[in-house]
PDB file of N, CA and C in Angstrom:
ATOM      1  N   MET A   1       0.830  -1.121  -0.075  1.00  0.00           N
ATOM      2  CA  MET A   1       0.072   0.047  -0.074  1.00  0.00           C
ATOM      3  C   MET A   1       0.896   1.316   0.068  1.00  0.00           C
ATOM      4  N   PHE A   2       0.600   2.069  -0.848  1.00  0.00           N
ATOM      5  CA  PHE A   2       1.347   3.273  -1.071  1.00  0.00           C
ATOM      6  C   PHE A   2       0.794   4.470  -0.209  1.00  0.00           C
ATOM      7  N   THR A   3       1.684   5.300   0.351  1.00  0.00           N
ATOM      8  CA  THR A   3       1.084   6.477   1.081  1.00  0.00           C
ATOM      9  C   THR A   3       1.813   7.659   0.437  1.00  0.00           C
ATOM     10  N   ARG A   4       0.989   8.639   0.362  1.00  0.00           N
ATOM     11  CA  ARG A   4       1.529   9.998   0.004  1.00  0.00           C
ATOM     12  C   ARG A   4       2.207  10.712   1.151  1.00  0.00           C
ATOM     13  N   ILE A   5       3.496  11.269   0.744  1.00  0.00           N
ATOM     14  CA  ILE A   5       4.075  11.994   1.859  1.00  0.00           C
ATOM     15  C   ILE A   5       4.453  13.358   1.120  1.00  0.00           C
ATOM     16  N   SER A   6       4.556  14.414   2.019  1.00  0.00           N
ATOM     17  CA  SER A   6       4.798  15.722   1.515  1.00  0.00           C
ATOM     18  C   SER A   6       6.139  16.168   2.284  1.00  0.00           C
ATOM     19  N   LEU A   7       7.067  16.747   1.398  1.00  0.00           N
ATOM     20  CA  LEU A   7       8.437  16.975   1.955  1.00  0.00           C
ATOM     21  C   LEU A   7       8.685  18.413   1.629  1.00  0.00           C
ATOM     22  N   THR A   8       9.297  19.285   2.447  1.00  0.00           N
ATOM     23  CA  THR A   8       9.658  20.580   2.199  1.00  0.00           C
ATOM     24  C   THR A   8      11.194  20.554   1.795  1.00  0.00           C
ATOM     25  N   ARG A   9      11.803  19.686   2.313  1.00  0.00           N
ATOM     26  CA  ARG A   9      13.242  19.538   2.040  1.00  0.00           C
ATOM     27  C   ARG A   9      13.844  18.261   2.440  1.00  0.00           C
ATOM     28  N   LEU A  10      14.682  17.622   1.451  1.00  0.00           N
ATOM     29  CA  LEU A  10      15.385  16.428   1.747  1.00  0.00           C
ATOM     30  C   LEU A  10      16.842  16.713   2.297  1.00  0.00           C
ATOM     31  N   TYR A  11      17.145  15.696   3.087  1.00  0.00           N
ATOM     32  CA  TYR A  11      18.591  15.841   3.663  1.00  0.00           C
ATOM     33  C   TYR A  11      19.566  15.517   2.416  1.00  0.00           C
ATOM     34  N   VAL A  12      20.710  16.363   2.404  1.00  0.00           N
ATOM     35  CA  VAL A  12      21.690  16.219   1.373  1.00  0.00           C
ATOM     36  C   VAL A  12      22.198  14.725   1.332  1.00  0.00           C
ATOM     37  N   GLY A  13      22.639  14.266   2.423  1.00  0.00           N
ATOM     38  CA  GLY A  13      23.098  12.884   2.235  1.00  0.00           C
ATOM     39  C   GLY A  13      22.042  11.919   1.766  1.00  0.00           C
ATOM     40  N   SER A  14      20.877  12.075   2.011  1.00  0.00           N
ATOM     41  CA  SER A  14      19.862  11.118   1.379  1.00  0.00           C
ATOM     42  C   SER A  14      19.830  11.128  -0.173  1.00  0.00           C
ATOM     43  N   ILE A  15      20.058  12.397  -0.698  1.00  0.00           N
ATOM     44  CA  ILE A  15      19.928  12.594  -2.152  1.00  0.00           C
ATOM     45  C   ILE A  15      21.211  11.822  -2.685  1.00  0.00           C
ATOM     46  N   TYR A  16      22.407  12.066  -2.134  1.00  0.00           N
ATOM     47  CA  TYR A  16      23.567  11.442  -2.598  1.00  0.00           C
ATOM     48  C   TYR A  16      23.473   9.893  -2.404  1.00  0.00           C
ATOM     49  N   LYS A  17      22.761   9.382  -1.454  1.00  0.00           N
ATOM     50  CA  LYS A  17      22.628   7.964  -1.171  1.00  0.00           C
ATOM     51  C   LYS A  17      21.642   7.442  -2.390  1.00  0.00           C
ATOM     52  N   LEU A  18      20.577   8.140  -2.639  1.00  0.00           N
ATOM     53  CA  LEU A  18      19.679   7.614  -3.660  1.00  0.00           C
ATOM     54  C   LEU A  18      20.359   7.494  -5.025  1.00  0.00           C
ATOM     55  N   VAL A  19      21.044   8.513  -5.373  1.00  0.00           N
ATOM     56  CA  VAL A  19      21.909   8.586  -6.604  1.00  0.00           C
ATOM     57  C   VAL A  19      22.857   7.447  -6.576  1.00  0.00           C
ATOM     58  N   PHE A  20      23.765   7.395  -5.652  1.00  0.00           N
ATOM     59  CA  PHE A  20      24.747   6.368  -5.567  1.00  0.00           C
ATOM     60  C   PHE A  20      24.229   4.956  -5.603  1.00  0.00           C
ATOM     61  N   VAL A  21      23.239   4.686  -4.878  1.00  0.00           N
ATOM     62  CA  VAL A  21      22.594   3.281  -4.972  1.00  0.00           C
ATOM     63  C   VAL A  21      22.004   3.062  -6.258  1.00  0.00           C
ATOM     64  N   GLY A  22      21.449   3.939  -6.910  1.00  0.00           N
ATOM     65  CA  GLY A  22      20.969   3.566  -8.191  1.00  0.00           C
ATOM     66  C   GLY A  22      21.894   3.376  -9.336  1.00  0.00           C
ATOM     67  N   LEU A  23      22.927   4.174  -9.222  1.00  0.00           N
ATOM     68  CA  LEU A  23      24.155   4.039 -10.253  1.00  0.00           C
ATOM     69  C   LEU A  23      24.997   2.855  -9.977  1.00  0.00           C
ATOM     70  N   ILE A  24      25.172   2.497  -8.701  1.00  0.00           N
ATOM     71  CA  ILE A  24      26.079   1.324  -8.417  1.00  0.00           C
ATOM     72  C   ILE A  24      25.515   0.098  -8.714  1.00  0.00           C
ATOM     73  N   PHE A  25      24.121  -0.004  -8.545  1.00  0.00           N
ATOM     74  CA  PHE A  25      23.426  -1.227  -8.775  1.00  0.00           C
ATOM     75  C   PHE A  25      22.928  -1.404 -10.301  1.00  0.00           C
ATOM     76  N   SER A  26      23.242  -0.395 -11.132  1.00  0.00           N
ATOM     77  CA  SER A  26      23.119  -0.459 -12.511  1.00  0.00           C
ATOM     78  C   SER A  26      24.488  -0.544 -13.208  1.00  0.00           C
ATOM     79  N   LEU A  27      25.558   0.260 -12.907  1.00  0.00           N
ATOM     80  CA  LEU A  27      26.651   0.241 -13.749  1.00  0.00           C
ATOM     81  C   LEU A  27      27.685  -0.884 -13.261  1.00  0.00           C
ATOM     82  N   VAL A  28      27.679  -1.355 -12.072  1.00  0.00           N
ATOM     83  CA  VAL A  28      28.587  -2.411 -11.805  1.00  0.00           C
ATOM     84  C   VAL A  28      28.087  -3.778 -12.500  1.00  0.00           C
ATOM     85  N   PRO A  29      26.792  -4.092 -12.557  1.00  0.00           N
ATOM     86  CA  PRO A  29      26.397  -5.169 -13.385  1.00  0.00           C
ATOM     87  C   PRO A  29      26.656  -5.088 -14.802  1.00  0.00           C
ATOM     88  N   LEU A  30      26.394  -3.735 -15.353  1.00  0.00           N
ATOM     89  CA  LEU A  30      26.802  -3.519 -16.658  1.00  0.00           C
ATOM     90  C   LEU A  30      28.316  -3.813 -16.906  1.00  0.00           C
ATOM     91  N   GLY A  31      29.020  -3.335 -16.112  1.00  0.00           N
ATOM     92  CA  GLY A  31      30.508  -3.500 -16.073  1.00  0.00           C
ATOM     93  C   GLY A  31      30.902  -4.928 -16.013  1.00  0.00           C
ATOM     94  N   LEU A  32      30.261  -5.668 -15.203  1.00  0.00           N
ATOM     95  CA  LEU A  32      30.393  -7.164 -15.183  1.00  0.00           C
ATOM     96  C   LEU A  32      30.164  -7.900 -16.558  1.00  0.00           C
ATOM     97  N   VAL A  33      28.999  -7.509 -17.121  1.00  0.00           N
ATOM     98  CA  VAL A  33      28.639  -7.968 -18.515  1.00  0.00           C
ATOM     99  C   VAL A  33      29.836  -7.527 -19.444  1.00  0.00           C
ATOM    100  N   PHE A  34      30.275  -6.303 -19.429  1.00  0.00           N
ATOM    101  CA  PHE A  34      31.294  -5.921 -20.326  1.00  0.00           C
ATOM    102  C   PHE A  34      32.628  -6.777 -20.107  1.00  0.00           C
ATOM    103  N   GLY A  35      32.806  -6.977 -18.796  1.00  0.00           N
ATOM    104  CA  GLY A  35      34.172  -7.717 -18.403  1.00  0.00           C
ATOM    105  C   GLY A  35      34.025  -9.119 -18.913  1.00  0.00           C
ATOM    106  N   LEU A  36      32.865  -9.830 -18.809  1.00  0.00           N
ATOM    107  CA  LEU A  36      32.634 -11.069 -19.162  1.00  0.00           C
ATOM    108  C   LEU A  36      32.933 -11.140 -20.761  1.00  0.00           C
ATOM    109  N   LEU A  37      32.324 -10.176 -21.498  1.00  0.00           N
ATOM    110  CA  LEU A  37      32.608 -10.194 -22.883  1.00  0.00           C
ATOM    111  C   LEU A  37      34.049  -9.971 -23.272  1.00  0.00           C
ATOM    112  N   ALA A  38      34.701  -9.152 -22.493  1.00  0.00           N
ATOM    113  CA  ALA A  38      36.148  -8.982 -22.628  1.00  0.00           C
ATOM    114  C   ALA A  38      36.931 -10.146 -22.335  1.00  0.00           C
ATOM    115  N   ALA A  39      36.468 -10.968 -21.366  1.00  0.00           N
ATOM    116  CA  ALA A  39      37.111 -12.167 -20.938  1.00  0.00           C
ATOM    117  C   ALA A  39      37.209 -13.166 -22.289  1.00  0.00           C
ATOM    118  N   PHE A  40      36.145 -13.027 -23.084  1.00  0.00           N
ATOM    119  CA  PHE A  40      36.027 -13.814 -24.261  1.00  0.00           C
ATOM    120  C   PHE A  40      36.577 -13.203 -25.486  1.00  0.00           C
ATOM    121  N   GLY A  41      37.197 -12.167 -25.359  1.00  0.00           N
ATOM    122  CA  GLY A  41      37.902 -11.491 -26.524  1.00  0.00           C
ATOM    123  C   GLY A  41      37.184 -10.246 -27.065  1.00  0.00           C
ATOM    124  N   ALA A  42      36.108  -9.957 -26.658  1.00  0.00           N
ATOM    125  CA  ALA A  42      35.504  -8.592 -27.206  1.00  0.00           C
ATOM    126  C   ALA A  42      36.195  -7.374 -26.698  1.00  0.00           C
ATOM    127  N   ASN A  43      36.030  -6.358 -27.536  1.00  0.00           N
ATOM    128  CA  ASN A  43      36.874  -5.000 -27.184  1.00  0.00           C
ATOM    129  C   ASN A  43      35.852  -4.126 -26.362  1.00  0.00           C
ATOM    130  N   THR A  44      35.270  -4.703 -25.344  1.00  0.00           N
ATOM    131  CA  THR A  44      34.379  -3.948 -24.528  1.00  0.00           C
ATOM    132  C   THR A  44      35.063  -3.224 -23.370  1.00  0.00           C
ATOM    133  N   VAL A  45      36.198  -3.459 -22.876  1.00  0.00           N
ATOM    134  CA  VAL A  45      36.876  -2.892 -21.874  1.00  0.00           C
ATOM    135  C   VAL A  45      38.206  -2.344 -22.314  1.00  0.00           C
ATOM    136  N   SER A  46      38.381  -1.083 -22.055  1.00  0.00           N
ATOM    137  CA  SER A  46      39.719  -0.464 -22.406  1.00  0.00           C
ATOM    138  C   SER A  46      40.344   0.263 -21.262  1.00  0.00           C
ATOM    139  N   TRP A  47      41.605   0.331 -21.254  1.00  0.00           N
ATOM    140  CA  TRP A  47      42.407   1.035 -20.255  1.00  0.00           C
ATOM    141  C   TRP A  47      43.506   1.916 -21.003  1.00  0.00           C
ATOM    142  N   ASN A  48      43.583   3.134 -20.906  1.00  0.00           N
ATOM    143  CA  ASN A  48      44.688   3.927 -21.538  1.00  0.00           C
ATOM    144  C   ASN A  48      44.634   3.833 -22.991  1.00  0.00           C
ATOM    145  N   GLY A  49      43.410   3.634 -23.578  1.00  0.00           N
ATOM    146  CA  GLY A  49      43.396   3.597 -25.029  1.00  0.00           C
ATOM    147  C   GLY A  49      43.507   2.103 -25.634  1.00  0.00           C
ATOM    148  N   ALA A  50      43.988   1.165 -24.806  1.00  0.00           N
ATOM    149  CA  ALA A  50      44.052  -0.097 -25.290  1.00  0.00           C
ATOM    150  C   ALA A  50      43.037  -1.134 -24.678  1.00  0.00           C
ATOM    151  N   ALA A  51      42.628  -1.997 -25.590  1.00  0.00           N
ATOM    152  CA  ALA A  51      41.617  -3.058 -25.192  1.00  0.00           C
ATOM    153  C   ALA A  51      42.249  -3.913 -24.197  1.00  0.00           C
ATOM    154  N   VAL A  52      41.398  -4.360 -23.254  1.00  0.00           N
ATOM    155  CA  VAL A  52      41.943  -5.362 -22.228  1.00  0.00           C
ATOM    156  C   VAL A  52      41.027  -6.583 -22.355  1.00  0.00           C
ATOM    157  N   HIS A  53      41.818  -7.689 -22.404  1.00  0.00           N
ATOM    158  CA  HIS A  53      41.134  -9.001 -22.632  1.00  0.00           C
ATOM    159  C   HIS A  53      41.473  -9.931 -21.514  1.00  0.00           C
ATOM    160  N   GLY A  54      40.708 -11.123 -21.502  1.00  0.00           N
ATOM    161  CA  GLY A  54      41.003 -12.191 -20.484  1.00  0.00           C
ATOM    162  C   GLY A  54      40.585 -11.851 -19.087  1.00  0.00           C
ATOM    163  N   ILE A  55      41.176 -12.367 -18.145  1.00  0.00           N
ATOM    164  CA  ILE A  55      40.936 -12.276 -16.726  1.00  0.00           C
ATOM    165  C   ILE A  55      40.977 -10.711 -16.333  1.00  0.00           C
ATOM    166  N   ALA A  56      42.063 -10.052 -16.840  1.00  0.00           N
ATOM    167  CA  ALA A  56      42.180  -8.616 -16.541  1.00  0.00           C
ATOM    168  C   ALA A  56      40.917  -7.822 -17.066  1.00  0.00           C
ATOM    169  N   GLY A  57      40.405  -8.107 -18.170  1.00  0.00           N
ATOM    170  CA  GLY A  57      39.185  -7.389 -18.623  1.00  0.00           C
ATOM    171  C   GLY A  57      38.048  -7.729 -17.766  1.00  0.00           C
ATOM    172  N   PHE A  58      37.931  -9.074 -17.315  1.00  0.00           N
ATOM    173  CA  PHE A  58      36.808  -9.434 -16.526  1.00  0.00           C
ATOM    174  C   PHE A  58      36.897  -8.877 -15.137  1.00  0.00           C
ATOM    175  N   LEU A  59      37.983  -8.615 -14.605  1.00  0.00           N
ATOM    176  CA  LEU A  59      38.191  -7.965 -13.281  1.00  0.00           C
ATOM    177  C   LEU A  59      38.044  -6.395 -13.466  1.00  0.00           C
ATOM    178  N   LEU A  60      38.534  -5.869 -14.448  1.00  0.00           N
ATOM    179  CA  LEU A  60      38.518  -4.406 -14.730  1.00  0.00           C
ATOM    180  C   LEU A  60      37.181  -3.858 -15.006  1.00  0.00           C
ATOM    181  N   GLY A  61      36.293  -4.683 -15.758  1.00  0.00           N
ATOM    182  CA  GLY A  61      35.081  -4.243 -16.053  1.00  0.00           C
ATOM    183  C   GLY A  61      34.216  -3.761 -14.915  1.00  0.00           C
ATOM    184  N   PRO A  62      33.881  -4.560 -13.884  1.00  0.00           N
ATOM    185  CA  PRO A  62      33.102  -4.014 -12.693  1.00  0.00           C
ATOM    186  C   PRO A  62      33.836  -2.990 -11.828  1.00  0.00           C
ATOM    187  N   LEU A  63      35.062  -2.918 -11.859  1.00  0.00           N
ATOM    188  CA  LEU A  63      35.912  -1.958 -11.218  1.00  0.00           C
ATOM    189  C   LEU A  63      35.645  -0.626 -12.000  1.00  0.00           C
ATOM    190  N   LEU A  64      35.862  -0.566 -13.163  1.00  0.00           N
ATOM    191  CA  LEU A  64      35.452   0.618 -13.994  1.00  0.00           C
ATOM    192  C   LEU A  64      34.037   1.028 -13.844  1.00  0.00           C
ATOM    193  N   GLY A  65      33.140   0.188 -13.778  1.00  0.00           N
ATOM    194  CA  GLY A  65      31.648   0.514 -13.540  1.00  0.00           C
ATOM    195  C   GLY A  65      31.495   1.258 -12.177  1.00  0.00           C
ATOM    196  N   GLY A  66      32.133   0.574 -11.095  1.00  0.00           N
ATOM    197  CA  GLY A  66      32.066   1.392  -9.858  1.00  0.00           C
ATOM    198  C   GLY A  66      32.789   2.606  -9.815  1.00  0.00           C
ATOM    199  N   LEU A  67      33.900   2.805 -10.432  1.00  0.00           N
ATOM    200  CA  LEU A  67      34.522   4.062 -10.401  1.00  0.00           C
ATOM    201  C   LEU A  67      33.654   5.101 -11.205  1.00  0.00           C
ATOM    202  N   PHE A  68      33.049   4.733 -12.342  1.00  0.00           N
ATOM    203  CA  PHE A  68      32.156   5.524 -13.129  1.00  0.00           C
ATOM    204  C   PHE A  68      30.887   5.801 -12.218  1.00  0.00           C
ATOM    205  N   ALA A  69      30.422   4.934 -11.417  1.00  0.00           N
ATOM    206  CA  ALA A  69      29.329   5.310 -10.650  1.00  0.00           C
ATOM    207  C   ALA A  69      29.765   6.297  -9.500  1.00  0.00           C
ATOM    208  N   VAL A  70      30.819   6.145  -8.975  1.00  0.00           N
ATOM    209  CA  VAL A  70      31.294   7.145  -7.847  1.00  0.00           C
ATOM    210  C   VAL A  70      31.391   8.544  -8.526  1.00  0.00           C
ATOM    211  N   SER A  71      32.080   8.629  -9.727  1.00  0.00           N
ATOM    212  CA  SER A  71      32.284   9.886 -10.258  1.00  0.00           C
ATOM    213  C   SER A  71      31.052  10.505 -10.661  1.00  0.00           C
ATOM    214  N   LEU A  72      30.098   9.855 -11.362  1.00  0.00           N
ATOM    215  CA  LEU A  72      28.757  10.284 -11.707  1.00  0.00           C
ATOM    216  C   LEU A  72      27.994  10.799 -10.388  1.00  0.00           C
ATOM    217  N   THR A  73      28.129   9.989  -9.307  1.00  0.00           N
ATOM    218  CA  THR A  73      27.410  10.398  -8.152  1.00  0.00           C
ATOM    219  C   THR A  73      27.904  11.818  -7.669  1.00  0.00           C
ATOM    220  N   ALA A  74      29.211  12.113  -7.739  1.00  0.00           N
ATOM    221  CA  ALA A  74      29.663  13.389  -7.460  1.00  0.00           C
ATOM    222  C   ALA A  74      29.045  14.562  -8.279  1.00  0.00           C
ATOM    223  N   PHE A  75      28.982  14.318  -9.541  1.00  0.00           N
ATOM    224  CA  PHE A  75      28.468  15.368 -10.482  1.00  0.00           C
ATOM    225  C   PHE A  75      26.876  15.435 -10.443  1.00  0.00           C
ATOM    226  N   LEU A  76      26.386  14.143 -10.652  1.00  0.00           N
ATOM    227  CA  LEU A  76      24.961  14.185 -10.804  1.00  0.00           C
ATOM    228  C   LEU A  76      24.158  14.470  -9.473  1.00  0.00           C
ATOM    229  N   GLY A  77      24.825  13.954  -8.407  1.00  0.00           N
ATOM    230  CA  GLY A  77      24.402  14.121  -7.118  1.00  0.00           C
ATOM    231  C   GLY A  77      24.265  15.647  -6.589  1.00  0.00           C
ATOM    232  N   SER A  78      25.415  16.254  -7.030  1.00  0.00           N
ATOM    233  CA  SER A  78      25.551  17.809  -6.798  1.00  0.00           C
ATOM    234  C   SER A  78      24.494  18.382  -7.654  1.00  0.00           C
ATOM    235  N   ALA A  79      24.250  18.156  -8.717  1.00  0.00           N
ATOM    236  CA  ALA A  79      23.224  18.788  -9.663  1.00  0.00           C
ATOM    237  C   ALA A  79      21.756  18.544  -9.114  1.00  0.00           C
ATOM    238  N   CYS A  80      21.512  17.324  -8.602  1.00  0.00           N
ATOM    239  CA  CYS A  80      20.216  17.082  -7.953  1.00  0.00           C
ATOM    240  C   CYS A  80      20.057  17.841  -6.752  1.00  0.00           C
ATOM    241  N   VAL A  81      21.056  17.906  -5.844  1.00  0.00           N
ATOM    242  CA  VAL A  81      21.024  18.736  -4.567  1.00  0.00           C
ATOM    243  C   VAL A  81      20.637  20.141  -4.974  1.00  0.00           C
ATOM    244  N   LEU A  82      21.391  20.745  -5.945  1.00  0.00           N
ATOM    245  CA  LEU A  82      21.149  22.062  -6.374  1.00  0.00           C
ATOM    246  C   LEU A  82      19.619  22.155  -6.793  1.00  0.00           C
ATOM    247  N   GLY A  83      19.263  21.458  -7.740  1.00  0.00           N
ATOM    248  CA  GLY A  83      17.920  21.445  -8.309  1.00  0.00           C
ATOM    249  C   GLY A  83      16.767  21.203  -7.396  1.00  0.00           C
ATOM    250  N   LEU A  84      16.935  20.267  -6.443  1.00  0.00           N
ATOM    251  CA  LEU A  84      15.886  20.044  -5.449  1.00  0.00           C
ATOM    252  C   LEU A  84      15.953  21.126  -4.480  1.00  0.00           C
ATOM    253  N   TRP A  85      17.108  21.685  -4.040  1.00  0.00           N
ATOM    254  CA  TRP A  85      17.133  22.963  -3.140  1.00  0.00           C
ATOM    255  C   TRP A  85      16.347  24.099  -3.806  1.00  0.00           C
ATOM    256  N   LEU A  86      16.481  24.246  -5.062  1.00  0.00           N
ATOM    257  CA  LEU A  86      15.768  25.422  -5.693  1.00  0.00           C
ATOM    258  C   LEU A  86      14.343  25.035  -5.828  1.00  0.00           C
ATOM    259  N   PHE A  87      13.936  23.997  -6.087  1.00  0.00           N
ATOM    260  CA  PHE A  87      12.565  23.452  -6.053  1.00  0.00           C
ATOM    261  C   PHE A  87      11.889  23.598  -4.749  1.00  0.00           C
ATOM    262  N   SER A  88      12.696  23.381  -3.588  1.00  0.00           N
ATOM    263  CA  SER A  88      12.135  23.454  -2.386  1.00  0.00           C
ATOM    264  C   SER A  88      11.764  24.964  -2.004  1.00  0.00           C
ATOM    265  N   LYS A  89      12.307  25.882  -2.669  1.00  0.00           N
ATOM    266  CA  LYS A  89      12.065  27.294  -2.481  1.00  0.00           C
ATOM    267  C   LYS A  89      10.548  27.594  -3.197  1.00  0.00           C
ATOM    268  N   LEU A  90      10.229  26.825  -4.178  1.00  0.00           N
ATOM    269  CA  LEU A  90       9.029  27.081  -4.789  1.00  0.00           C
ATOM    270  C   LEU A  90       7.785  26.451  -4.145  1.00  0.00           C
ATOM    271  N   LYS A  91       7.894  25.330  -3.727  1.00  0.00           N
ATOM    272  CA  LYS A  91       6.634  24.435  -3.126  1.00  0.00           C
ATOM    273  C   LYS A  91       7.236  23.231  -2.504  1.00  0.00           C
ATOM    274  N   PRO A  92       6.355  22.596  -1.682  1.00  0.00           N
ATOM    275  CA  PRO A  92       6.648  21.288  -1.036  1.00  0.00           C
ATOM    276  C   PRO A  92       6.667  20.194  -2.103  1.00  0.00           C
ATOM    277  N   MET A  93       7.477  19.129  -1.975  1.00  0.00           N
ATOM    278  CA  MET A  93       7.438  18.189  -2.905  1.00  0.00           C
ATOM    279  C   MET A  93       6.446  17.071  -2.404  1.00  0.00           C
ATOM    280  N   SER A  94       5.723  16.243  -3.219  1.00  0.00           N
ATOM    281  CA  SER A  94       4.841  15.355  -2.920  1.00  0.00           C
ATOM    282  C   SER A  94       5.230  13.987  -3.553  1.00  0.00           C
ATOM    283  N   LEU A  95       5.527  12.923  -2.666  1.00  0.00           N
ATOM    284  CA  LEU A  95       6.090  11.629  -3.231  1.00  0.00           C
ATOM    285  C   LEU A  95       5.200  10.587  -2.807  1.00  0.00           C
ATOM    286  N   TRP A  96       5.163   9.443  -3.430  1.00  0.00           N
ATOM    287  CA  TRP A  96       4.467   8.211  -2.902  1.00  0.00           C
ATOM    288  C   TRP A  96       5.479   7.364  -2.412  1.00  0.00           C
ATOM    289  N   ALA A  97       5.139   6.681  -1.266  1.00  0.00           N
ATOM    290  CA  ALA A  97       6.201   5.777  -0.699  1.00  0.00           C
ATOM    291  C   ALA A  97       5.328   4.473  -0.179  1.00  0.00           C
ATOM    292  N   LYS A  98       6.199   3.384  -0.008  1.00  0.00           N
ATOM    293  CA  LYS A  98       5.578   2.140   0.451  1.00  0.00           C
ATOM    294  C   LYS A  98       6.344   1.683   1.568  1.00  0.00           C
ATOM    295  N   ASN A  99       5.485   1.095   2.593  1.00  0.00           N
ATOM    296  CA  ASN A  99       6.150   0.552   3.942  1.00  0.00           C
ATOM    297  C   ASN A  99       6.850   1.515   4.597  1.00  0.00           C
ATOM    298  N   LEU A 100       6.276   2.592   4.855  1.00  0.00           N
ATOM    299  CA  LEU A 100       6.980   3.625   5.708  1.00  0.00           C
ATOM    300  C   LEU A 100       7.247   3.146   7.093  1.00  0.00           C
ATOM    301  N   THR A 101       8.379   3.537   7.621  1.00  0.00           N
ATOM    302  CA  THR A 101       8.652   3.339   9.018  1.00  0.00           C
ATOM    303  C   THR A 101       9.257   4.651   9.669  1.00  0.00           C
ATOM    304  N   HIS A 102       8.603   4.943  10.772  1.00  0.00           N
ATOM    305  CA  HIS A 102       8.999   6.292  11.418  1.00  0.00           C
ATOM    306  C   HIS A 102       9.907   5.953  12.634  1.00  0.00           C
ATOM    307  N   PHE A 103      11.073   6.628  12.509  1.00  0.00           N
ATOM    308  CA  PHE A 103      12.065   6.410  13.661  1.00  0.00           C
ATOM    309  C   PHE A 103      12.160   7.899  14.464  1.00  0.00           C
ATOM    310  N   PRO A 104      11.154   8.086  15.513  1.00  0.00           N
ATOM    311  CA  PRO A 104      11.208   9.388  16.080  1.00  0.00           C
ATOM    312  C   PRO A 104      12.412   9.772  16.811  1.00  0.00           C
ATOM    313  N   ASP A 105      13.220   8.819  17.249  1.00  0.00           N
ATOM    314  CA  ASP A 105      14.380   9.127  18.053  1.00  0.00           C
ATOM    315  C   ASP A 105      15.634   9.518  17.262  1.00  0.00           C
ATOM    316  N   GLU A 106      15.550   9.378  16.038  1.00  0.00           N
ATOM    317  CA  GLU A 106      16.628   9.764  15.104  1.00  0.00           C
ATOM    318  C   GLU A 106      16.569  11.092  14.596  1.00  0.00           C
ATOM    319  N   ALA A 107      17.534  11.971  14.706  1.00  0.00           N
ATOM    320  CA  ALA A 107      17.410  13.381  14.214  1.00  0.00           C
ATOM    321  C   ALA A 107      18.523  13.461  13.115  1.00  0.00           C
ATOM    322  N   ALA A 108      18.202  14.135  12.068  1.00  0.00           N
ATOM    323  CA  ALA A 108      19.194  14.347  10.941  1.00  0.00           C
ATOM    324  C   ALA A 108      20.000  15.450  11.154  1.00  0.00           C
TER     325      ALA A 108
END
Protein backbone atom coordinates (compact mmCIF):
# COMPACT_ATOMS: atom_id res chain seq x y z
CA MET A 1 0.00 0.00 0.00
CA PHE A 2 1.41 3.36 -1.01
CA THR A 3 1.19 6.45 1.14
CA ARG A 4 1.55 10.00 -0.06
CA ILE A 5 4.12 12.06 1.85
CA SER A 6 4.87 15.74 1.51
CA LEU A 7 8.42 17.06 1.94
CA THR A 8 9.66 20.59 2.17
CA ARG A 9 13.32 19.60 2.04
CA LEU A 10 15.40 16.44 1.69
CA TYR A 11 18.62 15.81 3.62
CA VAL A 12 21.64 16.21 1.30
CA GLY A 13 23.06 12.82 2.33
CA SER A 14 19.80 11.12 1.36
CA ILE A 15 19.98 12.59 -2.14
CA TYR A 16 23.55 11.39 -2.62
CA LYS A 17 22.61 7.97 -1.22
CA LEU A 18 19.72 7.58 -3.67
CA VAL A 19 21.87 8.61 -6.63
CA PHE A 20 24.79 6.37 -5.57
CA VAL A 21 22.67 3.27 -4.92
CA GLY A 22 20.87 3.69 -8.24
CA LEU A 23 24.11 4.08 -10.17
CA ILE A 24 26.10 1.37 -8.37
CA PHE A 25 23.37 -1.24 -8.84
CA SER A 26 23.15 -0.47 -12.54
CA LEU A 27 26.71 0.31 -13.65
CA VAL A 28 28.57 -2.45 -11.79
CA PRO A 29 26.40 -5.23 -13.31
CA LEU A 30 26.82 -3.55 -16.70
CA GLY A 31 30.58 -3.51 -16.11
CA LEU A 32 30.38 -7.19 -15.16
CA VAL A 33 28.70 -7.98 -18.49
CA PHE A 34 31.32 -5.95 -20.35
CA GLY A 35 34.06 -7.70 -18.38
CA LEU A 36 32.61 -11.10 -19.23
CA LEU A 37 32.56 -10.17 -22.90
CA ALA A 38 36.15 -8.90 -22.64
CA ALA A 39 37.17 -12.22 -21.06
CA PHE A 40 36.04 -13.90 -24.29
CA GLY A 41 37.91 -11.47 -26.54
CA ALA A 42 35.45 -8.65 -27.22
CA ASN A 43 36.81 -5.10 -27.20
CA THR A 44 34.40 -3.88 -24.52
CA VAL A 45 36.87 -2.86 -21.78
CA SER A 46 39.73 -0.48 -22.45
CA TRP A 47 42.41 1.07 -20.27
CA ASN A 48 44.62 3.93 -21.45
CA GLY A 49 43.32 3.56 -25.00
CA ALA A 50 44.12 -0.16 -25.29
CA ALA A 51 41.59 -2.98 -25.18
CA VAL A 52 41.95 -5.32 -22.19
CA HIS A 53 41.09 -9.00 -22.65
CA GLY A 54 41.02 -12.16 -20.56
CA ILE A 55 40.89 -12.24 -16.78
CA ALA A 56 42.19 -8.64 -16.59
CA GLY A 57 39.21 -7.44 -18.63
CA PHE A 58 36.85 -9.50 -16.50
CA LEU A 59 38.18 -7.91 -13.30
CA LEU A 60 38.54 -4.41 -14.72
CA GLY A 61 34.98 -4.19 -16.08
CA PRO A 62 33.11 -4.06 -12.74
CA LEU A 63 35.88 -1.96 -11.22
CA LEU A 64 35.47 0.66 -13.94
CA GLY A 65 31.69 0.47 -13.52
CA GLY A 66 32.07 1.25 -9.81
CA LEU A 67 34.53 4.06 -10.49
CA PHE A 68 32.18 5.53 -13.07
CA ALA A 69 29.28 5.29 -10.59
CA VAL A 70 31.27 7.15 -7.91
CA SER A 71 32.32 9.92 -10.29
CA LEU A 72 28.80 10.29 -11.70
CA THR A 73 27.43 10.42 -8.15
CA ALA A 74 29.68 13.39 -7.42
CA PHE A 75 28.47 15.35 -10.45
CA LEU A 76 24.84 14.21 -10.78
CA GLY A 77 24.30 14.16 -7.03
CA SER A 78 25.48 17.75 -6.76
CA ALA A 79 23.21 18.76 -9.64
CA CYS A 80 20.27 17.01 -7.95
CA VAL A 81 21.02 18.69 -4.62
CA LEU A 82 21.07 22.11 -6.28
CA GLY A 83 17.94 21.44 -8.33
CA LEU A 84 15.96 20.05 -5.41
CA TRP A 85 17.07 22.93 -3.18
CA LEU A 86 15.80 25.41 -5.78
CA PHE A 87 12.54 23.44 -6.13
CA SER A 88 12.07 23.47 -2.35
CA LYS A 89 12.02 27.28 -2.48
CA LEU A 90 8.95 27.13 -4.76
CA LYS A 91 6.68 24.53 -3.17
CA PRO A 92 6.69 21.31 -1.10
CA MET A 93 7.41 18.06 -2.92
CA SER A 94 4.84 15.27 -2.90
CA LEU A 95 6.06 11.65 -3.15
CA TRP A 96 4.47 8.23 -2.95
CA ALA A 97 6.17 5.73 -0.62
CA LYS A 98 5.58 2.13 0.37
CA ASN A 99 6.11 0.49 3.79
CA LEU A 100 6.96 3.64 5.70
CA THR A 101 8.68 3.27 9.06
CA HIS A 102 9.00 6.21 11.40
CA PHE A 103 12.00 6.51 13.73
CA PRO A 104 11.18 9.39 16.10
CA ASP A 105 14.44 9.14 18.08
CA GLU A 106 16.68 9.75 15.09
CA ALA A 107 17.50 13.33 14.20
CA ALA A 108 19.09 14.35 10.92
